[in-house]
Protein backbone atom coordinates (compact mmCIF):
# COMPACT_ATOMS: atom_id res chain seq x y z
CA UNK A 1 -13.89 -35.59 44.51
CA UNK A 2 -11.23 -36.13 41.85
CA UNK A 3 -8.49 -33.70 41.67
CA UNK A 4 -6.30 -32.84 38.33
CA UNK A 5 -2.63 -33.84 39.56
CA UNK A 6 -1.04 -32.23 36.25
CA UNK A 7 1.22 -29.04 36.50
CA UNK A 8 -0.98 -25.87 35.65
CA UNK A 9 1.19 -25.21 32.87
CA UNK A 10 0.15 -28.77 31.11
CA UNK A 11 -3.31 -27.80 32.01
CA UNK A 12 -3.25 -24.53 30.29
CA UNK A 13 -1.28 -26.07 27.47
CA UNK A 14 -4.16 -28.46 26.67
CA UNK A 15 -6.99 -25.94 26.81
CA UNK A 16 -4.90 -24.02 24.09
CA UNK A 17 -4.44 -26.87 21.85
CA UNK A 18 -8.47 -27.52 22.27
CA UNK A 19 -9.22 -24.11 21.42
CA UNK A 20 -6.74 -24.07 18.29
CA UNK A 21 -8.27 -27.18 17.16
CA UNK A 22 -11.84 -25.72 17.35
CA UNK A 23 -10.79 -22.67 15.85
CA UNK A 24 -9.31 -24.75 12.91
CA UNK A 25 -12.54 -26.59 12.69
CA UNK A 26 -14.87 -23.41 12.72
CA UNK A 27 -12.45 -21.89 9.69
CA UNK A 28 -12.61 -25.08 7.70
CA UNK A 29 -16.44 -25.17 7.62
CA UNK A 30 -16.41 -21.26 6.83
CA UNK A 31 -14.11 -22.03 3.99
CA UNK A 32 -16.39 -24.96 2.94
CA UNK A 33 -19.55 -22.94 3.01
CA UNK A 34 -17.98 -20.28 1.15
CA UNK A 35 -16.78 -22.32 -1.65
CA UNK A 36 -20.00 -24.27 -1.70
CA UNK A 37 -21.71 -20.53 -2.21
CA UNK A 38 -19.51 -20.05 -5.12
CA UNK A 39 -19.80 -23.53 -6.95
CA UNK A 40 -23.89 -22.93 -6.43
CA UNK A 41 -23.75 -19.71 -8.26
CA UNK A 42 -21.43 -21.05 -10.98
CA UNK A 43 -24.10 -24.29 -11.36
CA UNK A 44 -26.98 -21.95 -11.32
CA UNK A 45 -25.37 -19.56 -14.07
CA UNK A 46 -23.64 -22.45 -15.93
CA UNK A 47 -22.87 -20.65 -19.17
CA UNK A 48 -19.88 -20.00 -21.06
CA UNK A 49 -19.56 -16.43 -20.06
CA UNK A 50 -21.36 -14.99 -16.97
CA UNK A 51 -23.47 -12.26 -17.52
CA UNK A 52 -22.28 -8.65 -16.87
CA UNK A 53 -24.91 -8.11 -14.62
CA UNK A 54 -23.88 -11.15 -12.51
CA UNK A 55 -20.37 -10.36 -12.31
CA UNK A 56 -20.22 -8.26 -9.43
CA UNK A 57 -22.17 -10.99 -7.31
CA UNK A 58 -19.80 -13.69 -8.48
CA UNK A 59 -16.99 -11.29 -7.49
CA UNK A 60 -18.61 -11.05 -4.26
CA UNK A 61 -18.51 -14.63 -3.84
CA UNK A 62 -15.06 -15.09 -5.04
CA UNK A 63 -13.72 -12.50 -2.43
CA UNK A 64 -15.47 -14.09 0.28
CA UNK A 65 -14.10 -17.55 -0.51
CA UNK A 66 -10.78 -15.80 -0.65
CA UNK A 67 -11.09 -14.29 2.72
CA UNK A 68 -12.29 -17.61 4.37
CA UNK A 69 -9.23 -19.50 2.88
CA UNK A 70 -6.98 -16.37 3.96
CA UNK A 71 -8.34 -16.65 7.72
CA UNK A 72 -7.91 -20.68 7.44
CA UNK A 73 -4.31 -20.71 6.27
CA UNK A 74 -3.26 -18.18 9.10
CA UNK A 75 -5.00 -20.44 11.44
CA UNK A 76 -3.16 -23.41 10.51
CA UNK A 77 0.01 -21.77 10.02
CA UNK A 78 -0.43 -20.49 13.58
CA UNK A 79 -0.72 -23.68 14.75
CA UNK A 80 2.66 -25.13 12.98
CA UNK A 81 0.94 -26.39 9.88
CA UNK A 82 2.77 -24.78 7.21
CA UNK A 83 2.25 -26.36 3.91
CA UNK A 84 -1.46 -25.04 2.56
CA UNK A 85 -1.01 -27.35 -0.77
CA UNK A 86 -3.14 -29.76 1.25
CA UNK A 87 -5.59 -27.16 1.76
CA UNK A 88 -5.87 -26.38 -1.82
CA UNK A 89 -6.22 -29.98 -2.88
CA UNK A 90 -8.71 -31.21 0.28
CA UNK A 91 -11.19 -28.12 -0.59
CA UNK A 92 -10.34 -28.13 -4.03
CA UNK A 93 -9.85 -24.41 -3.97
CA UNK A 94 -10.16 -22.65 -7.65
CA UNK A 95 -7.27 -20.66 -8.65
CA UNK A 96 -8.94 -17.52 -8.73
CA UNK A 97 -9.84 -17.60 -5.06
CA UNK A 98 -6.44 -18.35 -4.25
CA UNK A 99 -5.23 -15.44 -6.03
CA UNK A 100 -7.59 -13.27 -4.03
CA UNK A 101 -6.67 -14.94 -0.67
CA UNK A 102 -5.34 -12.38 2.10
CA UNK A 103 -6.66 -8.48 2.66
CA UNK A 104 -9.38 -7.31 0.14
CA UNK A 105 -7.80 -5.04 -2.25
CA UNK A 106 -8.28 -1.53 -1.45
CA UNK A 107 -11.25 0.68 -2.75
CA UNK A 108 -9.81 3.27 -5.02
CA UNK A 109 -12.12 6.29 -5.42
CA UNK A 110 -12.09 8.09 -8.81
CA UNK A 111 -9.56 10.72 -9.64
CA UNK A 112 -11.44 14.23 -9.39
CA UNK A 113 -10.38 16.61 -11.59
């Protein structure tokens, strides 16, 4: 029977680093999928202007991609990887997705009089 002779703190550190790497992979795949859905939508509706009836669907895809981007950036920063420019270039993240990265905008109710 083999016994690990490393100190428990080293074993724990190894497990934490493994989970961080796994989480980064999951977040990266989620971002890729969100960006792919947005690009597929844009390809399917390739016209100079998205029809008004399709704008809410596209906006939803942009917001989902922005949320996925936010989650990925936060996970990377939690592991010490602070430069997000690499993500933007590697994943070819559109500017509009970058602009809506973060918490979703609060829904406002119409003011009743």
